C-alpha atoms as a PDB file:
ATOM      1  CA  MET A   1      10.778  -8.167  28.246  1.00  0.00           C
ATOM      2  CA  ASP A   2      12.916  -6.377  25.555  1.00  0.00           C
ATOM      3  CA  ASN A   3      11.193  -7.444  22.085  1.00  0.00           C
ATOM      4  CA  ASN A   4      14.798  -7.368  20.025  1.00  0.00           C
ATOM      5  CA  GLY A   5      15.859  -4.170  21.477  1.00  0.00           C
ATOM      6  CA  LEU A   6      12.626  -2.403  20.717  1.00  0.00           C
ATOM      7  CA  ASN A   7      11.655  -2.448  24.423  1.00  0.00           C
ATOM      8  CA  LEU A   8       7.909  -3.774  24.009  1.00  0.00           C
ATOM      9  CA  THR A   9       6.063  -6.633  25.902  1.00  0.00           C
ATOM     10  CA  ASP A  10       5.224  -9.542  23.677  1.00  0.00           C
ATOM     11  CA  GLY A  11       1.572  -8.905  23.926  1.00  0.00           C
ATOM     12  CA  GLU A  12       1.828  -5.168  23.108  1.00  0.00           C
ATOM     13  CA  SER A  13      -0.552  -4.268  20.533  1.00  0.00           C
ATOM     14  CA  PRO A  14       0.840  -2.153  17.463  1.00  0.00           C
ATOM     15  CA  ARG A  15      -2.235  -0.148  17.323  1.00  0.00           C
ATOM     16  CA  CYS A  16      -2.885   3.547  17.137  1.00  0.00           C
ATOM     17  CA  ASP A  17      -2.881   4.232  21.150  1.00  0.00           C
ATOM     18  CA  ARG A  18      -5.704   6.209  20.516  1.00  0.00           C
ATOM     19  CA  LYS A  19      -7.808   4.296  18.128  1.00  0.00           C
ATOM     20  CA  LEU A  20     -10.783   5.551  16.077  1.00  0.00           C
ATOM     21  CA  ASN A  21     -14.187   4.735  17.372  1.00  0.00           C
ATOM     22  CA  TRP A  22     -16.860   3.095  15.075  1.00  0.00           C
ATOM     23  CA  VAL A  23     -18.513   5.935  13.641  1.00  0.00           C
ATOM     24  CA  ASP A  24     -14.897   7.598  12.764  1.00  0.00           C
ATOM     25  CA  LEU A  25     -13.515   4.204  11.439  1.00  0.00           C
ATOM     26  CA  ALA A  26     -16.348   4.379   9.193  1.00  0.00           C
ATOM     27  CA  LEU A  27     -15.894   7.658   8.215  1.00  0.00           C
ATOM     28  CA  VAL A  28     -12.068   7.122   7.351  1.00  0.00           C
ATOM     29  CA  LEU A  29     -13.115   3.750   5.262  1.00  0.00           C
ATOM     30  CA  GLY A  30     -16.025   5.617   3.424  1.00  0.00           C
ATOM     31  CA  GLY A  31     -13.293   8.528   2.672  1.00  0.00           C
ATOM     32  CA  VAL A  32     -10.757   6.356   1.130  1.00  0.00           C
ATOM     33  CA  ILE A  33     -13.363   4.471  -1.375  1.00  0.00           C
ATOM     34  CA  GLY A  34     -14.707   7.763  -2.101  1.00  0.00           C
ATOM     35  CA  ILE A  35     -11.159   8.657  -2.769  1.00  0.00           C
ATOM     36  CA  TYR A  36     -10.897   5.935  -5.051  1.00  0.00           C
ATOM     37  CA  VAL A  37     -13.901   5.766  -6.812  1.00  0.00           C
ATOM     38  CA  GLY A  38     -14.296   9.530  -7.336  1.00  0.00           C
ATOM     39  CA  LEU A  39     -11.198  10.214  -8.882  1.00  0.00           C
ATOM     40  CA  ALA A  40     -11.401   7.318 -10.789  1.00  0.00           C
ATOM     41  CA  PHE A  41     -14.713   8.586 -12.600  1.00  0.00           C
ATOM     42  CA  GLY A  42     -13.333  11.815 -12.470  1.00  0.00           C
ATOM     43  CA  THR A  43     -10.656  10.742 -14.787  1.00  0.00           C
ATOM     44  CA  PHE A  44     -12.472   8.467 -16.902  1.00  0.00           C
ATOM     45  CA  TRP A  45     -15.235  11.646 -17.552  1.00  0.00           C
ATOM     46  CA  LEU A  46     -12.363  13.683 -18.290  1.00  0.00           C
ATOM     47  CA  MET A  47     -10.749  11.113 -21.040  1.00  0.00           C
ATOM     48  CA  ASP A  48     -13.620  11.730 -23.360  1.00  0.00           C
ATOM     49  CA  LEU A  49     -12.428  15.301 -23.195  1.00  0.00           C
ATOM     50  CA  TRP A  50      -9.404  15.133 -23.150  1.00  0.00           C
ATOM     51  CA  PRO A  51      -7.539  12.514 -25.414  1.00  0.00           C
ATOM     52  CA  HIS A  52      -4.171  12.631 -22.943  1.00  0.00           C
ATOM     53  CA  GLU A  53      -4.840   9.996 -21.292  1.00  0.00           C
ATOM     54  CA  ARG A  54      -1.609   8.948 -19.689  1.00  0.00           C
ATOM     55  CA  VAL A  55      -1.355  12.536 -18.355  1.00  0.00           C
ATOM     56  CA  LEU A  56      -4.500  11.811 -16.418  1.00  0.00           C
ATOM     57  CA  MET A  57      -3.606   8.510 -15.236  1.00  0.00           C
ATOM     58  CA  TYR A  58      -0.614  10.346 -13.394  1.00  0.00           C
ATOM     59  CA  LEU A  59      -2.846  13.380 -12.353  1.00  0.00           C
ATOM     60  CA  ASN A  60      -5.048  10.477 -10.979  1.00  0.00           C
ATOM     61  CA  ALA A  61      -2.219   8.659  -8.905  1.00  0.00           C
ATOM     62  CA  PHE A  62      -0.644  11.918  -7.430  1.00  0.00           C
ATOM     63  CA  LEU A  63      -4.119  13.094  -6.144  1.00  0.00           C
ATOM     64  CA  THR A  64      -4.984  10.020  -4.687  1.00  0.00           C
ATOM     65  CA  GLN A  65      -1.810  10.097  -2.686  1.00  0.00           C
ATOM     66  CA  LEU A  66      -2.205  13.582  -1.990  1.00  0.00           C
ATOM     67  CA  SER A  67      -6.425  13.038  -0.946  1.00  0.00           C
ATOM     68  CA  PHE A  68      -4.867  10.148   1.423  1.00  0.00           C
ATOM     69  CA  ALA A  69      -1.837  12.487   3.126  1.00  0.00           C
ATOM     70  CA  LEU A  70      -4.579  15.325   3.583  1.00  0.00           C
ATOM     71  CA  LEU A  71      -6.867  12.753   5.404  1.00  0.00           C
ATOM     72  CA  ILE A  72      -4.022  11.318   7.519  1.00  0.00           C
ATOM     73  CA  TYR A  73      -3.378  15.018   8.298  1.00  0.00           C
ATOM     74  CA  PHE A  74      -6.608  15.910   9.514  1.00  0.00           C
ATOM     75  CA  LEU A  75      -6.865  12.930  11.552  1.00  0.00           C
ATOM     76  CA  LYS A  76      -3.875  14.070  13.227  1.00  0.00           C
ATOM     77  CA  ARG A  77      -4.691  17.478  13.689  1.00  0.00           C
ATOM     78  CA  VAL A  78      -8.523  16.679  14.938  1.00  0.00           C
ATOM     79  CA  ARG A  79      -7.483  13.721  16.961  1.00  0.00           C
ATOM     80  CA  ARG A  80      -4.054  15.368  18.470  1.00  0.00           C
ATOM     81  CA  TRP A  81      -2.287  12.186  17.229  1.00  0.00           C
ATOM     82  CA  THR A  82       1.386  12.444  17.363  1.00  0.00           C
ATOM     83  CA  TRP A  83       2.996   9.903  14.751  1.00  0.00           C
ATOM     84  CA  ALA A  84       3.903   7.491  16.637  1.00  0.00           C
ATOM     85  CA  ASP A  85       0.269   7.143  17.408  1.00  0.00           C
ATOM     86  CA  PHE A  86       0.166   6.574  13.627  1.00  0.00           C
ATOM     87  CA  GLY A  87       2.814   3.461  14.179  1.00  0.00           C
ATOM     88  CA  TRP A  88       5.808   5.844  12.920  1.00  0.00           C
ATOM     89  CA  ARG A  89       7.895   4.003  16.003  1.00  0.00           C
ATOM     90  CA  ASP A  90      11.904   3.771  15.805  1.00  0.00           C
ATOM     91  CA  VAL A  91      13.185   0.401  14.585  1.00  0.00           C
ATOM     92  CA  PRO A  92      16.739  -0.784  14.190  1.00  0.00           C
ATOM     93  CA  MET A  93      17.963  -1.325  10.674  1.00  0.00           C
ATOM     94  CA  ARG A  94      19.679  -4.172  11.932  1.00  0.00           C
ATOM     95  CA  VAL A  95      16.825  -5.814  13.522  1.00  0.00           C
ATOM     96  CA  ILE A  96      14.368  -5.582  10.468  1.00  0.00           C
ATOM     97  CA  PHE A  97      16.728  -5.798   7.409  1.00  0.00           C
ATOM     98  CA  SER A  98      17.137  -9.659   6.575  1.00  0.00           C
ATOM     99  CA  LYS A  99      13.270 -10.152   7.618  1.00  0.00           C
ATOM    100  CA  VAL A 100      12.471  -7.373   5.121  1.00  0.00           C
ATOM    101  CA  LEU A 101      14.554  -9.513   2.548  1.00  0.00           C
ATOM    102  CA  GLY A 102      13.010 -12.916   3.258  1.00  0.00           C
ATOM    103  CA  LEU A 103       9.674 -11.921   3.247  1.00  0.00           C
ATOM    104  CA  TYR A 104       9.965  -9.988  -0.061  1.00  0.00           C
ATOM    105  CA  ALA A 105      11.707 -13.186  -1.578  1.00  0.00           C
ATOM    106  CA  LEU A 106       8.661 -15.109  -0.386  1.00  0.00           C
ATOM    107  CA  THR A 107       6.196 -12.420  -2.337  1.00  0.00           C
ATOM    108  CA  TRP A 108       8.411 -13.078  -5.080  1.00  0.00           C
ATOM    109  CA  VAL A 109       7.589 -16.776  -4.884  1.00  0.00           C
ATOM    110  CA  VAL A 110       4.178 -16.680  -4.629  1.00  0.00           C
ATOM    111  CA  ASN A 111       3.661 -13.650  -7.525  1.00  0.00           C
ATOM    112  CA  ILE A 112       5.933 -16.112  -9.691  1.00  0.00           C
ATOM    113  CA  CYS A 113       3.627 -19.204  -8.861  1.00  0.00           C
ATOM    114  CA  TYR A 114       0.581 -17.356  -9.394  1.00  0.00           C
ATOM    115  CA  ALA A 115       1.751 -16.168 -12.930  1.00  0.00           C
ATOM    116  CA  ILE A 116       2.399 -19.639 -14.245  1.00  0.00           C
ATOM    117  CA  ALA A 117      -0.867 -20.546 -12.934  1.00  0.00           C
ATOM    118  CA  LEU A 118      -2.576 -17.750 -15.033  1.00  0.00           C
ATOM    119  CA  PHE A 119      -0.776 -18.653 -17.746  1.00  0.00           C
ATOM    120  CA  ASN A 120      -1.439 -22.766 -16.984  1.00  0.00           C
ATOM    121  CA  TYR A 121      -4.768 -21.376 -17.663  1.00  0.00           C
ATOM    122  CA  GLY A 122      -4.188 -19.484 -20.605  1.00  0.00           C
ATOM    123  CA  PHE A 123      -5.110 -15.909 -19.298  1.00  0.00           C
ATOM    124  CA  THR A 124      -2.232 -12.798 -19.751  1.00  0.00           C
ATOM    125  CA  PRO A 125      -2.819  -9.363 -18.461  1.00  0.00           C
ATOM    126  CA  PRO A 126      -4.749  -6.898 -20.514  1.00  0.00           C
ATOM    127  CA  GLU A 127      -3.107  -3.794 -22.656  1.00  0.00           C
ATOM    128  CA  THR A 128      -5.453  -1.704 -20.749  1.00  0.00           C
ATOM    129  CA  ASP A 129      -4.614  -1.920 -17.563  1.00  0.00           C
ATOM    130  CA  VAL A 130      -3.834   1.083 -15.981  1.00  0.00           C
ATOM    131  CA  TYR A 131      -0.215  -0.018 -14.746  1.00  0.00           C
ATOM    132  CA  SER A 132       0.696  -0.955 -18.324  1.00  0.00           C
ATOM    133  CA  LYS A 133      -0.442   2.073 -19.630  1.00  0.00           C
ATOM    134  CA  LEU A 134       1.452   4.337 -16.647  1.00  0.00           C
ATOM    135  CA  LEU A 135       4.656   1.940 -17.206  1.00  0.00           C
ATOM    136  CA  GLY A 136       4.391   1.926 -21.229  1.00  0.00           C
ATOM    137  CA  ASP A 137       6.441   4.501 -23.344  1.00  0.00           C
ATOM    138  CA  VAL A 138       8.968   4.763 -20.718  1.00  0.00           C
ATOM    139  CA  THR A 139      11.326   7.496 -20.956  1.00  0.00           C
ATOM    140  CA  GLY A 140      13.436   9.105 -18.429  1.00  0.00           C
ATOM    141  CA  TYR A 141      10.990  11.482 -16.963  1.00  0.00           C
ATOM    142  CA  THR A 142       7.934   8.802 -16.429  1.00  0.00           C
ATOM    143  CA  LEU A 143      10.373   6.166 -15.146  1.00  0.00           C
ATOM    144  CA  ILE A 144      11.501   9.106 -12.371  1.00  0.00           C
ATOM    145  CA  LEU A 145       7.669   9.912 -11.812  1.00  0.00           C
ATOM    146  CA  ASN A 146       6.913   6.092 -11.618  1.00  0.00           C
ATOM    147  CA  LEU A 147       9.509   5.804  -8.995  1.00  0.00           C
ATOM    148  CA  LEU A 148       8.350   8.871  -7.020  1.00  0.00           C
ATOM    149  CA  LEU A 149       5.019   7.975  -7.400  1.00  0.00           C
ATOM    150  CA  ALA A 150       5.192   4.290  -6.451  1.00  0.00           C
ATOM    151  CA  GLY A 151       8.766   3.851  -4.658  1.00  0.00           C
ATOM    152  CA  ILE A 152       8.525   6.715  -2.352  1.00  0.00           C
ATOM    153  CA  LEU A 153       4.987   8.501  -1.880  1.00  0.00           C
ATOM    154  CA  ALA A 154       2.484   5.046  -1.976  1.00  0.00           C
ATOM    155  CA  PRO A 155       4.572   3.125   0.852  1.00  0.00           C
ATOM    156  CA  LEU A 156       4.586   6.386   2.953  1.00  0.00           C
ATOM    157  CA  VAL A 157       0.934   7.378   2.685  1.00  0.00           C
ATOM    158  CA  GLU A 158      -0.499   3.742   2.127  1.00  0.00           C
ATOM    159  CA  GLU A 159       1.107   2.550   5.169  1.00  0.00           C
ATOM    160  CA  THR A 160       0.302   5.001   7.618  1.00  0.00           C
ATOM    161  CA  LEU A 161      -3.296   4.940   6.229  1.00  0.00           C
ATOM    162  CA  PHE A 162      -3.396   0.987   5.692  1.00  0.00           C
ATOM    163  CA  ARG A 163      -1.570  -0.518   8.536  1.00  0.00           C
ATOM    164  CA  GLY A 164      -1.472   2.335  11.005  1.00  0.00           C
ATOM    165  CA  VAL A 165      -4.914   3.676  10.747  1.00  0.00           C
ATOM    166  CA  ILE A 166      -7.051   1.117   9.342  1.00  0.00           C
ATOM    167  CA  PHE A 167      -5.917  -2.173  10.583  1.00  0.00           C
ATOM    168  CA  GLY A 168      -4.368  -0.686  13.630  1.00  0.00           C
ATOM    169  CA  SER A 169      -8.489   0.571  14.581  1.00  0.00           C
ATOM    170  CA  LEU A 170      -9.843  -2.432  13.583  1.00  0.00           C
ATOM    171  CA  GLN A 171      -7.834  -5.056  15.343  1.00  0.00           C
ATOM    172  CA  ALA A 172      -9.356  -2.576  18.650  1.00  0.00           C
ATOM    173  CA  TYR A 173     -12.736  -4.432  17.232  1.00  0.00           C
ATOM    174  CA  PHE A 174     -11.916  -7.707  15.419  1.00  0.00           C
ATOM    175  CA  GLY A 175      -8.511  -9.135  16.625  1.00  0.00           C
ATOM    176  CA  LYS A 176      -5.345  -9.257  14.804  1.00  0.00           C
ATOM    177  CA  TRP A 177      -5.649 -11.747  12.089  1.00  0.00           C
ATOM    178  CA  THR A 178      -9.662 -10.448  11.387  1.00  0.00           C
ATOM    179  CA  ALA A 179      -8.481  -7.109  10.928  1.00  0.00           C
ATOM    180  CA  ALA A 180      -5.431  -7.961   8.965  1.00  0.00           C
ATOM    181  CA  VAL A 181      -7.952  -9.939   6.483  1.00  0.00           C
ATOM    182  CA  ILE A 182     -10.074  -7.111   5.998  1.00  0.00           C
ATOM    183  CA  SER A 183      -7.395  -4.316   5.725  1.00  0.00           C
ATOM    184  CA  ALA A 184      -5.447  -6.849   3.196  1.00  0.00           C
ATOM    185  CA  THR A 185      -8.730  -7.032   1.105  1.00  0.00           C
ATOM    186  CA  ILE A 186      -9.372  -3.167   1.411  1.00  0.00           C
ATOM    187  CA  PHE A 187      -5.747  -2.616   0.364  1.00  0.00           C
ATOM    188  CA  SER A 188      -5.572  -4.979  -2.601  1.00  0.00           C
ATOM    189  CA  ALA A 189      -9.280  -4.108  -4.238  1.00  0.00           C
ATOM    190  CA  LEU A 190      -8.585  -0.403  -4.202  1.00  0.00           C
ATOM    191  CA  HIS A 191      -6.225  -0.927  -6.842  1.00  0.00           C
ATOM    192  CA  PHE A 192      -8.901  -2.258  -9.284  1.00  0.00           C
ATOM    193  CA  GLN A 193      -7.105  -4.977 -10.873  1.00  0.00           C
ATOM    194  CA  ALA A 194      -8.752  -8.001 -10.517  1.00  0.00           C
ATOM    195  CA  TYR A 195      -5.781 -10.419 -11.696  1.00  0.00           C
ATOM    196  CA  GLY A 196      -3.478  -8.740  -9.346  1.00  0.00           C
ATOM    197  CA  PHE A 197      -5.873  -9.214  -6.419  1.00  0.00           C
ATOM    198  CA  PHE A 198      -4.617 -12.569  -4.983  1.00  0.00           C
ATOM    199  CA  PRO A 199      -0.752 -11.550  -4.766  1.00  0.00           C
ATOM    200  CA  ARG A 200      -1.358  -7.883  -3.766  1.00  0.00           C
ATOM    201  CA  PHE A 201      -3.476  -9.588  -1.014  1.00  0.00           C
ATOM    202  CA  VAL A 202      -0.937 -11.419   0.018  1.00  0.00           C
ATOM    203  CA  LEU A 203       1.509  -8.451  -0.365  1.00  0.00           C
ATOM    204  CA  GLY A 204      -0.999  -6.666   2.356  1.00  0.00           C
ATOM    205  CA  MET A 205      -0.748  -9.527   4.884  1.00  0.00           C
ATOM    206  CA  VAL A 206       2.907  -9.754   5.165  1.00  0.00           C
ATOM    207  CA  LEU A 207       2.768  -6.014   6.012  1.00  0.00           C
ATOM    208  CA  VAL A 208       0.396  -6.095   8.517  1.00  0.00           C
ATOM    209  CA  TYR A 209       2.899  -8.807   9.659  1.00  0.00           C
ATOM    210  CA  LEU A 210       6.011  -6.594   9.730  1.00  0.00           C
ATOM    211  CA  TYR A 211       3.562  -3.813  11.638  1.00  0.00           C
ATOM    212  CA  ASP A 212       2.879  -6.488  14.115  1.00  0.00           C
ATOM    213  CA  ARG A 213       6.127  -8.045  14.457  1.00  0.00           C
ATOM    214  CA  TYR A 214       7.862  -4.664  15.020  1.00  0.00           C
ATOM    215  CA  LYS A 215       5.240  -2.064  16.296  1.00  0.00           C
ATOM    216  CA  SER A 216       6.488  -0.020  13.998  1.00  0.00           C
ATOM    217  CA  LEU A 217       5.779   1.156  10.436  1.00  0.00           C
ATOM    218  CA  TYR A 218       9.220   1.240   8.967  1.00  0.00           C
ATOM    219  CA  PRO A 219       9.777  -2.087   8.152  1.00  0.00           C
ATOM    220  CA  SER A 220       6.356  -2.283   6.117  1.00  0.00           C
ATOM    221  CA  VAL A 221       7.579   1.049   4.521  1.00  0.00           C
ATOM    222  CA  GLY A 222      10.102  -0.672   3.887  1.00  0.00           C
ATOM    223  CA  LEU A 223       9.107  -3.805   2.272  1.00  0.00           C
ATOM    224  CA  HIS A 224       6.740  -1.471   0.185  1.00  0.00           C
ATOM    225  CA  ALA A 225       8.727   0.541  -0.785  1.00  0.00           C
ATOM    226  CA  LEU A 226      11.292  -2.625  -2.033  1.00  0.00           C
ATOM    227  CA  ASN A 227       8.415  -4.056  -4.365  1.00  0.00           C
ATOM    228  CA  ASN A 228       7.387  -1.044  -6.106  1.00  0.00           C
ATOM    229  CA  ILE A 229      10.736  -0.162  -7.055  1.00  0.00           C
ATOM    230  CA  VAL A 230      12.064  -3.494  -8.220  1.00  0.00           C
ATOM    231  CA  ALA A 231       8.550  -4.061 -10.282  1.00  0.00           C
ATOM    232  CA  THR A 232       8.813  -0.500 -11.439  1.00  0.00           C
ATOM    233  CA  LEU A 233      12.510  -1.134 -12.778  1.00  0.00           C
ATOM    234  CA  ILE A 234      11.862  -4.677 -14.091  1.00  0.00           C
ATOM    235  CA  ALA A 235       8.470  -3.100 -16.055  1.00  0.00           C
ATOM    236  CA  ALA A 236      10.575  -0.274 -17.304  1.00  0.00           C
ATOM    237  CA  LYS A 237      13.189  -2.781 -18.583  1.00  0.00           C
ATOM    238  CA  ILE A 238      10.413  -5.242 -20.147  1.00  0.00           C
ATOM    239  CA  MET A 239       8.964  -2.111 -22.108  1.00  0.00           C
ATOM    240  CA  ILE A 240      12.157  -0.926 -23.215  1.00  0.00           C
ATOM    241  CA  GLU A 241      13.589  -4.217 -24.612  1.00  0.00           C
END
């Protein structure tokens, strides 16, 4: 049966055509956690030796994405996967555009409700938060760096890894929704931002839904990029004012 022009059957799974076995999946998850934790500790250690905290944070962010990209490339070479095996399958823009915008609006409603709830309980985000520091003291150069990092690199790399590899392989063993919860939890937890865990978890679930619905990474990358770009621009405007 044709599925919105994608030529896929209703029950077809979006996971990698060549899923990872348990050992490989454990190694990938260990690698992801090791990259995050190792670079975080390395950054904190360097902060004691070199006072340029913001530069180190940018270095950490770009090295994280580079490390993830190398992990993906390693999998591609060793497993001899094509990009379609990761989930990079064509999907018409007209099919996904309205869905991406609608789900983006939904995530904003969740963010606003969550922020109101935190405010009512007297909680405000700490000024020492890494994202606040990266977005603080906005200049033209830092805005470009933030947009490059958050709006381009992170969506491309993280969607390939978290949705294409991790979710795609997990659901072969746990089923779709359990795999979605696990991958969204890992995705949110590894951002090391406790107060933002819930809305980022919701975003992770929405991204999984898009990947599962359209059997392609393009919709989830589009939503991820839109979310990050708008958040970066809003934060920059707030900082400037």
